[in-house]
Amino acid sequence: NGYKICDDYIESLKEGRLKAQPGCTESETLEALILKELSAIRDHAGQACLRNLSRHNAPLTMAVCGSKGSFINISQMIACVGQQAISGHRPPDGFEDRSLPHFERRQKTPAAKGFVENSFYSGLTPTEFFFHTMGGREGLVDTAVKTAETGYMQRRLVKCLEDLCVNYDGTVRSSVGDVIEFTFGEDGLDPALMESKDGGVVDFKHILEHTRNTVPHLIENVDITSDELQKVVTDTISEIIGKRHAMFRKQLESFINEYFKKQTNTTNFQKIAPNIWSK
């Protein structure tokens, strides 16, 4: 149906019945109408295939969650590669008034102007492959130019920010003392310390070591076993946290149990082999 509509547009141009769009010639109007129709063909074919894909399909999952690829890529793989564009237009006529030597002169049909009706799964014909390389070459150049532009942009940005640092009063200042932020990141949180190695939100081991080195011991030589101390800590956690934040409480209790287990094993080893321990 889409091909027939394109053929009707071409016949209208030959017979002089095609009405030119504002600011365009008849030929430019024909190109715009055909390009619009062929783009709709690819979209409709892609949507029909996407509706029949399993929700467990791997490329579909990647496109939906945004990790890589898009619905257009899936449509090109299984339905129709679609119209190949060069600088936003169909491939122009080159040698001998035709896009490729395989077609007649001044031919404007979809196949002669870069429309690829096959999918990557079904395989492209030789002429479709040639048209696809035209669009792919432009994409490679565009990617290389964008990489250079964004890379230089990042370098300039880093150069502008290289003298910023967090001062002892908590403000972010430049090398001459100008205040950039009153609090780092507006919340004062250090991203390097916001996650532990196991993926938890709180690094309990880091907090324990920090407390040991900053909080003085108020009571010396307390005669208490590891089991008794563990019970006191567990009761305190239950009293403070209660039933709220079940995941946090579970992680904290797991860390405490593991810690006291190590302490108990160390104490038992000291009792069993005091001579080895002293050495």
C-alpha atoms as a PDB file:
ATOM      1  CA  ASN A   1       0.000   0.000   0.000  1.00  0.00           C
ATOM      2  CA  GLY A   2       2.835   2.400   0.878  1.00  0.00           C
ATOM      3  CA  TYR A   3       4.621   1.630  -2.404  1.00  0.00           C
ATOM      4  CA  LYS A   4       1.409   2.332  -4.336  1.00  0.00           C
ATOM      5  CA  ILE A   5       1.032   5.724  -2.636  1.00  0.00           C
ATOM      6  CA  CYS A   6       4.635   6.578  -3.577  1.00  0.00           C
ATOM      7  CA  ASP A   7       3.988   5.518  -7.188  1.00  0.00           C
ATOM      8  CA  ASP A   8       0.913   7.786  -7.254  1.00  0.00           C
ATOM      9  CA  TYR A   9       3.026  10.734  -6.067  1.00  0.00           C
ATOM     10  CA  ILE A  10       5.589  10.049  -8.824  1.00  0.00           C
ATOM     11  CA  GLU A  11       2.866   9.843 -11.487  1.00  0.00           C
ATOM     12  CA  SER A  12       1.351  13.090 -10.217  1.00  0.00           C
ATOM     13  CA  LEU A  13       4.720  14.820 -10.666  1.00  0.00           C
ATOM     14  CA  LYS A  14       5.127  13.461 -14.211  1.00  0.00           C
ATOM     15  CA  GLU A  15       1.614  14.585 -15.164  1.00  0.00           C
ATOM     16  CA  GLY A  16       2.047  17.997 -13.519  1.00  0.00           C
ATOM     17  CA  ARG A  17      -0.739  17.409 -10.990  1.00  0.00           C
ATOM     18  CA  LEU A  18       1.452  17.508  -7.864  1.00  0.00           C
ATOM     19  CA  LYS A  19       0.819  20.672  -5.860  1.00  0.00           C
ATOM     20  CA  ALA A  20       4.028  22.208  -4.525  1.00  0.00           C
ATOM     21  CA  GLN A  21       4.321  22.870  -0.802  1.00  0.00           C
ATOM     22  CA  PRO A  22       5.001  26.468   0.345  1.00  0.00           C
ATOM     23  CA  GLY A  23       8.631  27.387  -0.330  1.00  0.00           C
ATOM     24  CA  CYS A  24       9.372  24.140  -2.215  1.00  0.00           C
ATOM     25  CA  THR A  25       9.580  23.059  -5.826  1.00  0.00           C
ATOM     26  CA  GLU A  26       7.580  20.126  -7.171  1.00  0.00           C
ATOM     27  CA  SER A  27      10.622  17.823  -6.906  1.00  0.00           C
ATOM     28  CA  GLU A  28      11.307  18.873  -3.297  1.00  0.00           C
ATOM     29  CA  THR A  29       7.634  18.352  -2.457  1.00  0.00           C
ATOM     30  CA  LEU A  30       7.760  14.855  -3.961  1.00  0.00           C
ATOM     31  CA  GLU A  31      10.848  13.957  -1.904  1.00  0.00           C
ATOM     32  CA  ALA A  32       9.207  15.208   1.314  1.00  0.00           C
ATOM     33  CA  LEU A  33       5.977  13.276   0.687  1.00  0.00           C
ATOM     34  CA  ILE A  34       7.761  10.027  -0.226  1.00  0.00           C
ATOM     35  CA  LEU A  35      10.137  10.300   2.743  1.00  0.00           C
ATOM     36  CA  LYS A  36       7.185  10.784   5.099  1.00  0.00           C
ATOM     37  CA  GLU A  37       5.334   7.787   3.636  1.00  0.00           C
ATOM     38  CA  LEU A  38       8.361   5.462   3.771  1.00  0.00           C
ATOM     39  CA  SER A  39       9.121   6.431   7.375  1.00  0.00           C
ATOM     40  CA  ALA A  40       5.540   5.510   8.283  1.00  0.00           C
ATOM     41  CA  ILE A  41       6.010   2.095   6.611  1.00  0.00           C
ATOM     42  CA  ARG A  42       9.022   1.299   8.798  1.00  0.00           C
ATOM     43  CA  ASP A  43       7.242   2.466  11.951  1.00  0.00           C
ATOM     44  CA  HIS A  44       4.113   0.398  11.240  1.00  0.00           C
ATOM     45  CA  ALA A  45       6.147  -2.723  10.413  1.00  0.00           C
ATOM     46  CA  GLY A  46       8.214  -2.301  13.566  1.00  0.00           C
ATOM     47  CA  GLN A  47       5.172  -1.825  15.800  1.00  0.00           C
ATOM     48  CA  ALA A  48       3.525  -4.944  14.365  1.00  0.00           C
ATOM     49  CA  CYS A  49       6.608  -7.024  15.193  1.00  0.00           C
ATOM     50  CA  LEU A  50       7.059  -5.492  18.646  1.00  0.00           C
ATOM     51  CA  ARG A  51       3.496  -6.428  19.588  1.00  0.00           C
ATOM     52  CA  ASN A  52       4.316 -10.094  18.931  1.00  0.00           C
ATOM     53  CA  LEU A  53       7.607 -10.181  20.838  1.00  0.00           C
ATOM     54  CA  SER A  54       7.775 -11.935  24.196  1.00  0.00           C
ATOM     55  CA  ARG A  55       8.259  -9.653  27.180  1.00  0.00           C
ATOM     56  CA  HIS A  56      11.301 -11.793  28.012  1.00  0.00           C
ATOM     57  CA  ASN A  57      12.970 -10.900  24.700  1.00  0.00           C
ATOM     58  CA  ALA A  58      16.491  -9.674  25.539  1.00  0.00           C
ATOM     59  CA  PRO A  59      16.810  -6.773  23.016  1.00  0.00           C
ATOM     60  CA  LEU A  60      13.303  -5.597  23.952  1.00  0.00           C
ATOM     61  CA  THR A  61      14.250  -5.608  27.647  1.00  0.00           C
ATOM     62  CA  MET A  62      17.375  -3.558  26.906  1.00  0.00           C
ATOM     63  CA  ALA A  63      15.385  -1.006  24.888  1.00  0.00           C
ATOM     64  CA  VAL A  64      12.616  -0.679  27.511  1.00  0.00           C
ATOM     65  CA  CYS A  65      14.956  -0.201  30.489  1.00  0.00           C
ATOM     66  CA  GLY A  66      17.165   2.205  28.525  1.00  0.00           C
ATOM     67  CA  SER A  67      20.453   0.344  28.918  1.00  0.00           C
ATOM     68  CA  LYS A  68      21.214   0.151  25.183  1.00  0.00           C
ATOM     69  CA  GLY A  69      19.425   0.432  21.867  1.00  0.00           C
ATOM     70  CA  SER A  70      15.911   1.556  20.966  1.00  0.00           C
ATOM     71  CA  PHE A  71      12.704   0.277  19.406  1.00  0.00           C
ATOM     72  CA  ILE A  72      13.958   1.448  15.999  1.00  0.00           C
ATOM     73  CA  ASN A  73      16.961  -0.885  16.303  1.00  0.00           C
ATOM     74  CA  ILE A  74      14.654  -3.814  17.065  1.00  0.00           C
ATOM     75  CA  SER A  75      12.419  -2.898  14.112  1.00  0.00           C
ATOM     76  CA  GLN A  76      15.441  -2.857  11.800  1.00  0.00           C
ATOM     77  CA  MET A  77      16.568  -6.264  13.066  1.00  0.00           C
ATOM     78  CA  ILE A  78      13.294  -8.132  12.594  1.00  0.00           C
ATOM     79  CA  ALA A  79      10.979  -6.050  10.380  1.00  0.00           C
ATOM     80  CA  CYS A  80      12.410  -3.464   8.003  1.00  0.00           C
ATOM     81  CA  VAL A  81      15.651  -1.442   7.946  1.00  0.00           C
ATOM     82  CA  GLY A  82      13.824   1.473   6.335  1.00  0.00           C
ATOM     83  CA  GLN A  83      14.820   4.553   4.380  1.00  0.00           C
ATOM     84  CA  GLN A  84      18.531   5.404   4.281  1.00  0.00           C
ATOM     85  CA  ALA A  85      19.151   9.141   4.587  1.00  0.00           C
ATOM     86  CA  ILE A  86      22.145  11.270   3.629  1.00  0.00           C
ATOM     87  CA  SER A  87      22.119  14.726   5.228  1.00  0.00           C
ATOM     88  CA  GLY A  88      18.428  14.245   5.986  1.00  0.00           C
ATOM     89  CA  HIS A  89      17.445  13.455   2.382  1.00  0.00           C
ATOM     90  CA  ARG A  90      17.144  10.403   0.162  1.00  0.00           C
ATOM     91  CA  PRO A  91      20.388   9.472  -1.663  1.00  0.00           C
ATOM     92  CA  PRO A  92      20.799  11.984  -4.519  1.00  0.00           C
ATOM     93  CA  ASP A  93      21.371  11.182  -8.177  1.00  0.00           C
ATOM     94  CA  GLY A  94      25.064  10.917  -8.896  1.00  0.00           C
ATOM     95  CA  PHE A  95      26.744   9.403 -11.956  1.00  0.00           C
ATOM     96  CA  GLU A  96      24.550   9.420 -15.081  1.00  0.00           C
ATOM     97  CA  ASP A  97      21.464  10.849 -13.284  1.00  0.00           C
ATOM     98  CA  ARG A  98      20.912   7.869 -10.998  1.00  0.00           C
ATOM     99  CA  SER A  99      21.789   6.919  -7.441  1.00  0.00           C
ATOM    100  CA  LEU A 100      23.426   3.595  -8.429  1.00  0.00           C
ATOM    101  CA  PRO A 101      24.300   2.051 -11.825  1.00  0.00           C
ATOM    102  CA  HIS A 102      21.779  -0.727 -11.141  1.00  0.00           C
ATOM    103  CA  PHE A 103      18.758   1.523 -11.814  1.00  0.00           C
ATOM    104  CA  GLU A 104      17.371   3.457 -14.764  1.00  0.00           C
ATOM    105  CA  ARG A 105      18.128   7.164 -15.138  1.00  0.00           C
ATOM    106  CA  ARG A 106      16.046   9.691 -13.168  1.00  0.00           C
ATOM    107  CA  GLN A 107      14.191   6.925 -11.340  1.00  0.00           C
ATOM    108  CA  LYS A 108      12.505   8.054  -8.095  1.00  0.00           C
ATOM    109  CA  THR A 109      11.010   4.798  -6.818  1.00  0.00           C
ATOM    110  CA  PRO A 110      11.676   3.803  -3.164  1.00  0.00           C
ATOM    111  CA  ALA A 111      14.060   0.989  -4.166  1.00  0.00           C
ATOM    112  CA  ALA A 112      16.117   3.322  -6.406  1.00  0.00           C
ATOM    113  CA  LYS A 113      16.383   5.984  -3.719  1.00  0.00           C
ATOM    114  CA  GLY A 114      17.655   4.070  -0.715  1.00  0.00           C
ATOM    115  CA  PHE A 115      14.642   2.335   0.834  1.00  0.00           C
ATOM    116  CA  VAL A 116      15.655  -1.007   2.406  1.00  0.00           C
ATOM    117  CA  GLU A 117      12.593  -3.235   2.685  1.00  0.00           C
ATOM    118  CA  ASN A 118      14.456  -6.223   4.175  1.00  0.00           C
ATOM    119  CA  SER A 119      15.497  -6.635   7.794  1.00  0.00           C
ATOM    120  CA  PHE A 120      18.949  -7.497   9.083  1.00  0.00           C
ATOM    121  CA  TYR A 121      17.567 -10.922   9.956  1.00  0.00           C
ATOM    122  CA  SER A 122      16.304 -11.654   6.438  1.00  0.00           C
ATOM    123  CA  GLY A 123      19.360 -10.077   4.814  1.00  0.00           C
ATOM    124  CA  LEU A 124      19.857  -7.119   2.460  1.00  0.00           C
ATOM    125  CA  THR A 125      20.062  -7.277  -1.322  1.00  0.00           C
ATOM    126  CA  PRO A 126      23.268  -5.935  -2.970  1.00  0.00           C
ATOM    127  CA  THR A 127      21.717  -2.556  -3.826  1.00  0.00           C
ATOM    128  CA  GLU A 128      20.209  -2.260  -0.336  1.00  0.00           C
ATOM    129  CA  PHE A 129      23.629  -3.028   1.116  1.00  0.00           C
ATOM    130  CA  PHE A 130      25.210  -0.224  -0.950  1.00  0.00           C
ATOM    131  CA  PHE A 131      22.590   2.282   0.231  1.00  0.00           C
ATOM    132  CA  HIS A 132      23.058   1.161   3.825  1.00  0.00           C
ATOM    133  CA  THR A 133      26.817   1.793   3.633  1.00  0.00           C
ATOM    134  CA  MET A 134      26.091   5.365   2.476  1.00  0.00           C
ATOM    135  CA  GLY A 135      24.074   6.102   5.614  1.00  0.00           C
ATOM    136  CA  GLY A 136      26.510   4.186   7.816  1.00  0.00           C
ATOM    137  CA  ARG A 137      29.472   6.222   6.567  1.00  0.00           C
ATOM    138  CA  GLU A 138      27.724   9.452   7.511  1.00  0.00           C
ATOM    139  CA  GLY A 139      26.968   8.003  10.951  1.00  0.00           C
ATOM    140  CA  LEU A 140      30.641   7.146  11.526  1.00  0.00           C
ATOM    141  CA  VAL A 141      31.789  10.655  10.648  1.00  0.00           C
ATOM    142  CA  ASP A 142      29.067  12.189  12.820  1.00  0.00           C
ATOM    143  CA  THR A 143      30.087   9.979  15.769  1.00  0.00           C
ATOM    144  CA  ALA A 144      33.750  10.944  15.411  1.00  0.00           C
ATOM    145  CA  VAL A 145      32.932  14.665  15.294  1.00  0.00           C
ATOM    146  CA  LYS A 146      30.609  14.461  18.314  1.00  0.00           C
ATOM    147  CA  THR A 147      33.236  12.561  20.323  1.00  0.00           C
ATOM    148  CA  ALA A 148      35.807  15.278  19.650  1.00  0.00           C
ATOM    149  CA  GLU A 149      33.370  18.056  20.575  1.00  0.00           C
ATOM    150  CA  THR A 150      32.161  16.489  23.827  1.00  0.00           C
ATOM    151  CA  GLY A 151      35.711  15.479  24.800  1.00  0.00           C
ATOM    152  CA  TYR A 152      36.999  19.026  24.408  1.00  0.00           C
ATOM    153  CA  MET A 153      33.941  20.351  26.247  1.00  0.00           C
ATOM    154  CA  GLN A 154      34.672  18.060  29.209  1.00  0.00           C
ATOM    155  CA  ARG A 155      38.342  19.080  29.233  1.00  0.00           C
ATOM    156  CA  ARG A 156      37.406  22.767  29.449  1.00  0.00           C
ATOM    157  CA  LEU A 157      34.901  22.039  32.215  1.00  0.00           C
ATOM    158  CA  VAL A 158      37.480  20.113  34.279  1.00  0.00           C
ATOM    159  CA  LYS A 159      39.991  22.936  33.746  1.00  0.00           C
ATOM    160  CA  CYS A 160      37.491  25.448  35.152  1.00  0.00           C
ATOM    161  CA  LEU A 161      36.742  23.308  38.228  1.00  0.00           C
ATOM    162  CA  GLU A 162      40.243  22.022  39.050  1.00  0.00           C
ATOM    163  CA  ASP A 163      40.944  24.611  41.801  1.00  0.00           C
ATOM    164  CA  LEU A 164      37.708  24.029  43.758  1.00  0.00           C
ATOM    165  CA  CYS A 165      37.995  22.304  47.133  1.00  0.00           C
ATOM    166  CA  VAL A 166      36.015  21.779  50.329  1.00  0.00           C
ATOM    167  CA  ASN A 167      37.345  23.935  53.171  1.00  0.00           C
ATOM    168  CA  TYR A 168      37.330  23.125  56.883  1.00  0.00           C
ATOM    169  CA  ASP A 169      34.197  25.251  57.384  1.00  0.00           C
ATOM    170  CA  GLY A 170      32.322  22.964  54.947  1.00  0.00           C
ATOM    171  CA  THR A 171      32.094  25.484  52.100  1.00  0.00           C
ATOM    172  CA  VAL A 172      33.304  24.886  48.553  1.00  0.00           C
ATOM    173  CA  ARG A 173      35.729  27.630  47.526  1.00  0.00           C
ATOM    174  CA  SER A 174      38.046  28.496  44.666  1.00  0.00           C
ATOM    175  CA  SER A 175      41.807  29.042  44.987  1.00  0.00           C
ATOM    176  CA  VAL A 176      41.259  32.749  45.768  1.00  0.00           C
ATOM    177  CA  GLY A 177      38.615  32.058  48.437  1.00  0.00           C
ATOM    178  CA  ASP A 178      35.459  32.783  46.445  1.00  0.00           C
ATOM    179  CA  VAL A 179      32.497  30.772  47.802  1.00  0.00           C
ATOM    180  CA  ILE A 180      31.002  28.454  45.171  1.00  0.00           C
ATOM    181  CA  GLU A 181      28.725  26.447  47.515  1.00  0.00           C
ATOM    182  CA  PHE A 182      27.990  26.852  51.208  1.00  0.00           C
ATOM    183  CA  THR A 183      27.635  23.067  51.534  1.00  0.00           C
ATOM    184  CA  PHE A 184      29.184  20.501  49.198  1.00  0.00           C
ATOM    185  CA  GLY A 185      26.516  19.144  46.847  1.00  0.00           C
ATOM    186  CA  GLU A 186      23.843  21.004  48.884  1.00  0.00           C
ATOM    187  CA  ASP A 187      23.689  18.059  51.312  1.00  0.00           C
ATOM    188  CA  GLY A 188      27.286  17.724  52.534  1.00  0.00           C
ATOM    189  CA  LEU A 189      27.443  13.998  51.754  1.00  0.00           C
ATOM    190  CA  ASP A 190      30.698  12.471  50.513  1.00  0.00           C
ATOM    191  CA  PRO A 191      29.894  10.117  47.587  1.00  0.00           C
ATOM    192  CA  ALA A 192      33.015   8.054  48.348  1.00  0.00           C
ATOM    193  CA  LEU A 193      31.586   7.091  51.746  1.00  0.00           C
ATOM    194  CA  MET A 194      27.924   6.642  50.805  1.00  0.00           C
ATOM    195  CA  GLU A 195      28.206   2.956  49.877  1.00  0.00           C
ATOM    196  CA  SER A 196      30.061   0.068  51.446  1.00  0.00           C
ATOM    197  CA  LYS A 197      31.946  -2.598  49.516  1.00  0.00           C
ATOM    198  CA  ASP A 198      29.054  -5.068  49.763  1.00  0.00           C
ATOM    199  CA  GLY A 199      26.592  -2.557  48.300  1.00  0.00           C
ATOM    200  CA  GLY A 200      24.963  -1.587  51.613  1.00  0.00           C
ATOM    201  CA  VAL A 201      24.001   1.982  52.386  1.00  0.00           C
ATOM    202  CA  VAL A 202      26.007   2.112  55.645  1.00  0.00           C
ATOM    203  CA  ASP A 203      29.585   0.869  56.098  1.00  0.00           C
ATOM    204  CA  PHE A 204      29.338  -0.516  59.640  1.00  0.00           C
ATOM    205  CA  LYS A 205      33.012  -1.489  59.826  1.00  0.00           C
ATOM    206  CA  HIS A 206      34.113   2.033  58.924  1.00  0.00           C
ATOM    207  CA  ILE A 207      31.789   3.540  61.552  1.00  0.00           C
ATOM    208  CA  LEU A 208      33.062   1.106  64.209  1.00  0.00           C
ATOM    209  CA  GLU A 209      36.713   1.959  63.513  1.00  0.00           C
ATOM    210  CA  HIS A 210      35.906   5.678  63.455  1.00  0.00           C
ATOM    211  CA  THR A 211      34.124   5.431  66.828  1.00  0.00           C
ATOM    212  CA  ARG A 212      36.975   3.439  68.367  1.00  0.00           C
ATOM    213  CA  ASN A 213      39.509   6.083  67.398  1.00  0.00           C
ATOM    214  CA  THR A 214      37.498   9.198  68.234  1.00  0.00           C
ATOM    215  CA  VAL A 215      35.390   8.321  71.309  1.00  0.00           C
ATOM    216  CA  PRO A 216      37.429   7.874  74.542  1.00  0.00           C
ATOM    217  CA  HIS A 217      36.899   4.820  76.789  1.00  0.00           C
ATOM    218  CA  LEU A 218      35.029   6.080  79.853  1.00  0.00           C
ATOM    219  CA  ILE A 219      35.205   2.788  81.779  1.00  0.00           C
ATOM    220  CA  GLU A 220      38.391   0.721  82.001  1.00  0.00           C
ATOM    221  CA  ASN A 221      38.668  -3.051  82.484  1.00  0.00           C
ATOM    222  CA  VAL A 222      34.972  -3.918  82.229  1.00  0.00           C
ATOM    223  CA  ASP A 223      34.425  -7.568  83.221  1.00  0.00           C
ATOM    224  CA  ILE A 224      31.858  -8.666  80.625  1.00  0.00           C
ATOM    225  CA  THR A 225      31.774 -11.601  78.216  1.00  0.00           C
ATOM    226  CA  SER A 226      31.153 -11.377  74.484  1.00  0.00           C
ATOM    227  CA  ASP A 227      27.742 -13.049  74.822  1.00  0.00           C
ATOM    228  CA  GLU A 228      26.634 -10.570  77.487  1.00  0.00           C
ATOM    229  CA  LEU A 229      27.862  -7.623  75.443  1.00  0.00           C
ATOM    230  CA  GLN A 230      26.104  -8.968  72.347  1.00  0.00           C
ATOM    231  CA  LYS A 231      22.824  -9.219  74.263  1.00  0.00           C
ATOM    232  CA  VAL A 232      23.154  -5.621  75.480  1.00  0.00           C
ATOM    233  CA  VAL A 233      23.805  -4.375  71.945  1.00  0.00           C
ATOM    234  CA  THR A 234      20.907  -6.399  70.476  1.00  0.00           C
ATOM    235  CA  ASP A 235      18.482  -5.112  73.133  1.00  0.00           C
ATOM    236  CA  THR A 236      19.626  -1.544  72.499  1.00  0.00           C
ATOM    237  CA  ILE A 237      19.043  -1.936  68.754  1.00  0.00           C
ATOM    238  CA  SER A 238      15.550  -3.327  69.366  1.00  0.00           C
ATOM    239  CA  GLU A 239      14.739  -0.436  71.686  1.00  0.00           C
ATOM    240  CA  ILE A 240      16.007   2.320  69.396  1.00  0.00           C
ATOM    241  CA  ILE A 241      15.065   1.012  65.944  1.00  0.00           C
ATOM    242  CA  GLY A 242      12.097  -1.191  66.852  1.00  0.00           C
ATOM    243  CA  LYS A 243      10.275  -2.764  63.922  1.00  0.00           C
ATOM    244  CA  ARG A 244      10.984   0.136  61.576  1.00  0.00           C
ATOM    245  CA  HIS A 245      13.654  -0.132  58.890  1.00  0.00           C
ATOM    246  CA  ALA A 246      13.655  -3.934  58.871  1.00  0.00           C
ATOM    247  CA  MET A 247      16.344  -4.202  56.184  1.00  0.00           C
ATOM    248  CA  PHE A 248      18.723  -1.834  58.006  1.00  0.00           C
ATOM    249  CA  ARG A 249      18.161  -3.662  61.287  1.00  0.00           C
ATOM    250  CA  LYS A 250      18.822  -7.022  59.632  1.00  0.00           C
ATOM    251  CA  GLN A 251      22.103  -5.791  58.127  1.00  0.00           C
ATOM    252  CA  LEU A 252      23.210  -4.261  61.439  1.00  0.00           C
ATOM    253  CA  GLU A 253      22.411  -7.408  63.441  1.00  0.00           C
ATOM    254  CA  SER A 254      24.232  -9.535  60.869  1.00  0.00           C
ATOM    255  CA  PHE A 255      27.338  -7.349  61.200  1.00  0.00           C
ATOM    256  CA  ILE A 256      27.195  -7.465  65.021  1.00  0.00           C
ATOM    257  CA  ASN A 257      26.765 -11.246  65.112  1.00  0.00           C
ATOM    258  CA  GLU A 258      29.688 -11.708  62.726  1.00  0.00           C
ATOM    259  CA  TYR A 259      31.828  -9.326  64.775  1.00  0.00           C
ATOM    260  CA  PHE A 260      31.124 -11.050  68.104  1.00  0.00           C
ATOM    261  CA  LYS A 261      31.689 -14.441  66.485  1.00  0.00           C
ATOM    262  CA  LYS A 262      35.204 -13.344  65.541  1.00  0.00           C
ATOM    263  CA  GLN A 263      35.778 -11.963  69.056  1.00  0.00           C
ATOM    264  CA  THR A 264      34.646 -15.255  70.630  1.00  0.00           C
ATOM    265  CA  ASN A 265      36.929 -17.299  68.363  1.00  0.00           C
ATOM    266  CA  THR A 266      39.865 -15.031  69.218  1.00  0.00           C
ATOM    267  CA  THR A 267      39.164 -15.337  72.974  1.00  0.00           C
ATOM    268  CA  ASN A 268      38.913 -19.133  72.763  1.00  0.00           C
ATOM    269  CA  PHE A 269      42.205 -19.292  70.884  1.00  0.00           C
ATOM    270  CA  GLN A 270      43.860 -17.190  73.618  1.00  0.00           C
ATOM    271  CA  LYS A 271      42.628 -19.602  76.302  1.00  0.00           C
ATOM    272  CA  ILE A 272      43.612 -22.756  74.371  1.00  0.00           C
ATOM    273  CA  ALA A 273      47.100 -21.680  73.314  1.00  0.00           C
ATOM    274  CA  PRO A 274      48.334 -18.791  75.526  1.00  0.00           C
ATOM    275  CA  ASN A 275      51.982 -19.483  74.713  1.00  0.00           C
ATOM    276  CA  ILE A 276      51.422 -19.267  70.951  1.00  0.00           C
ATOM    277  CA  TRP A 277      49.308 -16.113  71.392  1.00  0.00           C
ATOM    278  CA  SER A 278      51.984 -14.352  73.464  1.00  0.00           C
ATOM    279  CA  LYS A 279      54.613 -15.119  70.814  1.00  0.00           C
END
